C-alpha cells in the first residue's frame, strides 16, 4: 500500500534557516542596527548595543520597539541600513539545497521577518529563488506602513514573527491548510508560535526538538533523512 505525504505545502524561514548562521550575518546585522540607532535616532554609541538587546527582548525587533516607543521610524530607511549594508558576498550558491528543493513537488513558500529586497537578494545568491512560488515578508505583514499616508507608530504597530497575528496573515496569504503545512525556522520562539497557529514544525540548526517542534534538523541539508514523508506519494 502506498504511503501518502501529510504535507501539501512547505513554508521556510530564510535567515539562519536556508543558509548557516555561521557566515556572520547575525553579527553584521547587530552592528548595522547599532549604526541605525546612532545615525538616525541620535542615541549614544556606547548605549546602542544595550538598547538593541532591550528592544528585541521586549518587542521582538528593534524597529518594532522604536515604533512602540513613539519613534516614527521609516521602515524602508531602517532596512536600507540594517540589511542594505550586509556583507552579501558571504552568501554562496548552494546547489545541494537547490537539488533537494527541486525534488519537492509540494508548494514551497518563504516566510521571513526581513524586507522583500533582502529576501530576494539572499535567495538569488543561494541560487534558489526560482524554487519558491511566493515570498511573505515584512511588507506582507505590515502593508499599512507603506500604503497609508500616515505612518503613526500608535496607529500601525509592527507585526512580525513570533506574533500569532503574523502567522495568521501568512496562513491567509498563502491560502494553506495549517494542519497540512510544514514550517521551518531556526528560532525556537517562532517554532512555538507556529505550533500554536496549527502548523507542523521543524526547528533548524538544532539536534534536539525545541518546544512545539515536530522535527529537528541540524542543518537544512538533512531534510531528506529527517522528514522523508515529504516525498511520499501526494
Protein backbone atom coordinates (compact mmCIF):
# COMPACT_ATOMS: atom_id res chain seq x y z
CA UNK A 1 0.00 0.00 0.00
CA UNK A 2 1.33 3.44 -0.98
CA UNK A 3 2.15 5.92 1.77
CA UNK A 4 0.78 9.42 1.29
CA UNK A 5 2.53 12.61 2.33
CA UNK A 6 0.85 14.51 5.17
CA UNK A 7 2.05 17.82 3.71
CA UNK A 8 0.57 19.98 0.95
CA UNK A 9 2.89 22.94 1.49
CA UNK A 10 6.30 23.72 2.99
CA UNK A 11 6.94 27.20 4.43
CA UNK A 12 10.54 28.19 5.12
CA UNK A 13 12.10 30.96 7.14
CA UNK A 14 15.12 32.42 5.33
CA UNK A 15 17.89 33.84 7.51
CA UNK A 16 19.85 31.25 9.52
CA UNK A 17 17.50 28.57 8.17
CA UNK A 18 18.25 28.23 4.47
CA UNK A 19 21.83 29.38 5.00
CA UNK A 20 24.05 28.88 8.01
CA UNK A 21 24.21 31.33 10.88
CA UNK A 22 27.98 30.76 10.85
CA UNK A 23 28.57 33.04 7.84
CA UNK A 24 28.45 36.08 10.11
CA UNK A 25 25.25 37.81 9.05
CA UNK A 26 23.92 37.83 12.60
CA UNK A 27 26.81 39.89 13.96
CA UNK A 28 26.75 42.16 10.92
CA UNK A 29 23.02 42.78 11.38
CA UNK A 30 23.55 43.73 15.02
CA UNK A 31 26.29 46.19 14.07
CA UNK A 32 24.05 47.73 11.41
CA UNK A 33 21.17 48.13 13.89
CA UNK A 34 23.54 49.87 16.28
CA UNK A 35 24.58 52.16 13.43
CA UNK A 36 20.94 53.00 12.73
CA UNK A 37 20.29 53.83 16.38
CA UNK A 38 23.26 56.19 16.37
CA UNK A 39 22.96 57.71 12.89
CA UNK A 40 19.19 58.06 12.56
CA UNK A 41 17.85 58.14 16.13
CA UNK A 42 20.63 60.04 17.84
CA UNK A 43 21.47 57.53 20.57
CA UNK A 44 24.96 57.45 22.04
CA UNK A 45 27.22 54.81 20.52
CA UNK A 46 28.08 53.34 23.93
CA UNK A 47 24.38 52.75 24.68
CA UNK A 48 23.27 51.45 21.29
CA UNK A 49 24.00 47.73 21.79
CA UNK A 50 22.25 47.54 25.16
CA UNK A 51 19.22 49.36 23.74
CA UNK A 52 19.09 47.00 20.76
CA UNK A 53 19.04 43.98 23.06
CA UNK A 54 16.41 45.53 25.30
CA UNK A 55 14.12 46.40 22.38
CA UNK A 56 14.48 42.93 20.87
CA UNK A 57 13.64 41.20 24.15
CA UNK A 58 10.65 43.44 24.82
CA UNK A 59 9.17 43.98 21.36
CA UNK A 60 10.63 41.26 19.11
CA UNK A 61 12.71 43.62 16.97
CA UNK A 62 14.43 46.98 17.22
CA UNK A 63 12.12 48.50 14.62
CA UNK A 64 9.01 47.30 16.44
CA UNK A 65 10.41 48.62 19.71
CA UNK A 66 11.28 52.04 18.34
CA UNK A 67 7.81 52.48 16.89
CA UNK A 68 6.17 51.23 20.07
CA UNK A 69 8.11 53.89 21.96
CA UNK A 70 6.78 56.57 19.60
CA UNK A 71 9.65 56.94 17.13
CA UNK A 72 8.27 57.48 13.64
CA UNK A 73 10.88 55.26 12.01
CA UNK A 74 10.60 54.77 8.25
CA UNK A 75 10.75 51.04 7.56
CA UNK A 76 12.47 51.44 4.20
CA UNK A 77 15.18 53.63 5.69
CA UNK A 78 15.65 51.16 8.54
CA UNK A 79 16.05 48.20 6.21
CA UNK A 80 18.33 50.13 3.86
CA UNK A 81 20.87 50.31 6.68
CA UNK A 82 20.21 47.11 8.61
CA UNK A 83 20.05 44.84 5.56
CA UNK A 84 21.43 47.09 2.84
CA UNK A 85 24.89 47.14 4.46
CA UNK A 86 25.16 43.38 4.96
CA UNK A 87 28.22 41.57 3.51
CA UNK A 88 26.23 39.73 0.85
CA UNK A 89 29.39 38.33 -0.70
CA UNK A 90 29.38 35.81 2.17
CA UNK A 91 26.28 34.07 0.80
CA UNK A 92 27.33 31.46 -1.75
CA UNK A 93 25.27 29.34 -4.16
CA UNK A 94 24.01 26.12 -2.56
CA UNK A 95 23.50 23.53 -5.30
CA UNK A 96 22.86 20.77 -2.74
CA UNK A 97 19.94 22.69 -1.24
CA UNK A 98 18.68 23.57 -4.71
CA UNK A 99 18.65 19.92 -5.72
CA UNK A 100 16.70 18.99 -2.58
CA UNK A 101 14.12 21.71 -3.16
CA UNK A 102 13.66 20.71 -6.79
CA UNK A 103 12.69 17.17 -5.73
CA UNK A 104 9.86 18.50 -3.55
CA UNK A 105 6.61 18.60 -5.52
CA UNK A 106 4.58 20.41 -2.88
CA UNK A 107 4.16 24.19 -2.79
CA UNK A 108 7.17 25.98 -1.28
CA UNK A 109 6.92 29.44 0.28
CA UNK A 110 9.30 31.80 2.10
CA UNK A 111 8.06 33.45 5.32
CA UNK A 112 10.57 35.93 6.73
CA UNK A 113 10.60 38.96 9.01
CA UNK A 114 13.09 40.55 6.62
CA UNK A 115 12.16 43.04 3.92
CA UNK A 116 11.49 41.82 0.38
CA UNK A 117 14.67 43.31 -1.12
CA UNK A 118 16.85 41.37 1.32
CA UNK A 119 14.89 38.16 0.86
CA UNK A 120 15.09 38.24 -2.93
CA UNK A 121 18.79 39.12 -2.90
CA UNK A 122 19.65 36.30 -0.48
CA UNK A 123 17.57 33.76 -2.41
CA UNK A 124 19.22 34.74 -5.68
CA UNK A 125 22.69 34.47 -4.16
CA UNK A 126 21.83 31.00 -2.85
CA UNK A 127 20.63 30.10 -6.34
CA UNK A 128 17.19 29.00 -5.14
CA UNK A 129 14.87 31.96 -5.83
CA UNK A 130 13.00 30.07 -8.55
CA UNK A 131 12.30 27.17 -6.18
CA UNK A 132 9.65 29.19 -4.32
CA UNK A 133 6.28 30.36 -5.55
CA UNK A 134 5.88 33.16 -3.03
CA UNK A 135 7.75 35.35 -0.55
CA UNK A 136 5.82 36.50 2.53
CA UNK A 137 7.92 39.18 4.20
CA UNK A 138 7.95 42.38 6.28
CA UNK A 139 5.91 44.27 3.69
CA UNK A 140 3.32 41.48 3.57
CA UNK A 141 2.74 41.67 7.33
CA UNK A 142 2.83 45.46 7.55
CA UNK A 143 1.10 46.88 4.46
CA UNK A 144 -0.22 49.89 6.36
CA UNK A 145 3.33 51.14 6.90
CA UNK A 146 3.59 51.57 3.13
CA UNK A 147 0.01 52.06 1.87
CA UNK A 148 -1.14 54.79 4.23
CA UNK A 149 -0.41 58.50 4.15
CA UNK A 150 0.00 58.24 7.92
CA UNK A 151 2.64 56.01 9.44
CA UNK A 152 1.79 56.85 13.04
CA UNK A 153 3.59 54.45 15.40
CA UNK A 154 0.50 54.29 17.60
CA UNK A 155 -1.84 53.55 14.70
CA UNK A 156 0.31 50.96 12.96
CA UNK A 157 2.48 48.84 15.29
CA UNK A 158 4.93 46.49 13.61
CA UNK A 159 3.77 42.89 13.11
CA UNK A 160 6.46 40.18 12.98
CA UNK A 161 7.03 36.56 13.92
CA UNK A 162 6.55 35.20 16.57
CA UNK A 163 3.31 37.17 16.83
CA UNK A 164 0.28 34.98 16.17
CA UNK A 165 -1.04 37.85 14.05
CA UNK A 166 1.97 37.37 11.77
CA UNK A 167 1.25 33.67 11.39
CA UNK A 168 -2.43 34.35 10.75
CA UNK A 169 -1.50 36.80 8.00
CA UNK A 170 0.92 34.33 6.43
CA UNK A 171 -1.60 31.46 6.50
CA UNK A 172 -4.24 33.68 4.90
CA UNK A 173 -1.87 34.97 2.20
CA UNK A 174 -0.58 31.50 1.38
CA UNK A 175 -4.10 30.04 1.46
CA UNK A 176 -2.95 26.84 3.15
CA UNK A 177 -4.43 24.25 5.46
CA UNK A 178 -2.23 24.80 8.50
CA UNK A 179 -2.57 21.16 9.62
CA UNK A 180 -1.04 20.03 6.31
CA UNK A 181 1.68 22.68 6.19
CA UNK A 182 5.26 22.14 7.38
CA UNK A 183 7.02 25.23 8.76
CA UNK A 184 10.82 25.56 9.08
CA UNK A 185 12.57 28.10 11.32
CA UNK A 186 15.77 28.37 13.37
CA UNK A 187 14.12 30.43 16.13
CA UNK A 188 12.59 28.45 18.99
CA UNK A 189 10.07 31.19 19.73
CA UNK A 190 8.86 31.20 16.15
CA UNK A 191 8.53 27.42 16.22
CA UNK A 192 6.45 27.52 19.41
CA UNK A 193 4.16 30.17 17.95
CA UNK A 194 3.80 28.27 14.68
CA UNK A 195 2.67 25.21 16.61
CA UNK A 196 0.02 27.28 18.40
CA UNK A 197 -1.10 28.53 14.98
CA UNK A 198 -1.69 24.93 13.94
CA UNK A 199 1.32 24.35 11.71
CA UNK A 200 3.55 21.28 11.69
CA UNK A 201 7.03 22.41 12.63
CA UNK A 202 10.74 21.80 12.01
CA UNK A 203 13.38 23.58 14.08
CA UNK A 204 16.56 24.09 12.04
CA UNK A 205 20.09 24.30 13.46
CA UNK A 206 19.30 22.13 16.47
CA UNK A 207 19.99 18.49 17.26
CA UNK A 208 17.07 18.27 19.70
CA UNK A 209 13.47 19.36 19.28
CA UNK A 210 12.53 22.62 20.98
CA UNK A 211 9.11 23.47 22.42
CA UNK A 212 6.50 22.95 19.73
CA UNK A 213 8.85 21.30 17.21
CA UNK A 214 7.77 18.10 15.49
CA UNK A 215 11.22 17.60 13.96
CA UNK A 216 14.77 18.91 14.48
CA UNK A 217 17.31 19.44 11.69
CA UNK A 218 20.94 20.09 12.49
CA UNK A 219 21.13 21.68 9.05
CA UNK A 220 18.65 22.08 6.23
CA UNK A 221 20.56 19.60 4.07
CA UNK A 222 19.49 16.77 6.39
CA UNK A 223 15.88 17.18 5.31
CA UNK A 224 15.60 14.01 3.26
CA UNK A 225 16.81 11.88 6.15
CA UNK A 226 14.77 13.53 8.92
CA UNK A 227 11.44 14.15 7.16
CA UNK A 228 11.23 11.52 4.40
CA UNK A 229 7.44 11.65 4.40
CA UNK A 230 7.67 14.87 2.37
CA UNK A 231 8.49 12.64 -0.59
CA UNK A 232 5.67 10.15 -0.06
CA UNK A 233 3.03 9.99 -2.77
CA UNK A 234 0.74 13.03 -2.86
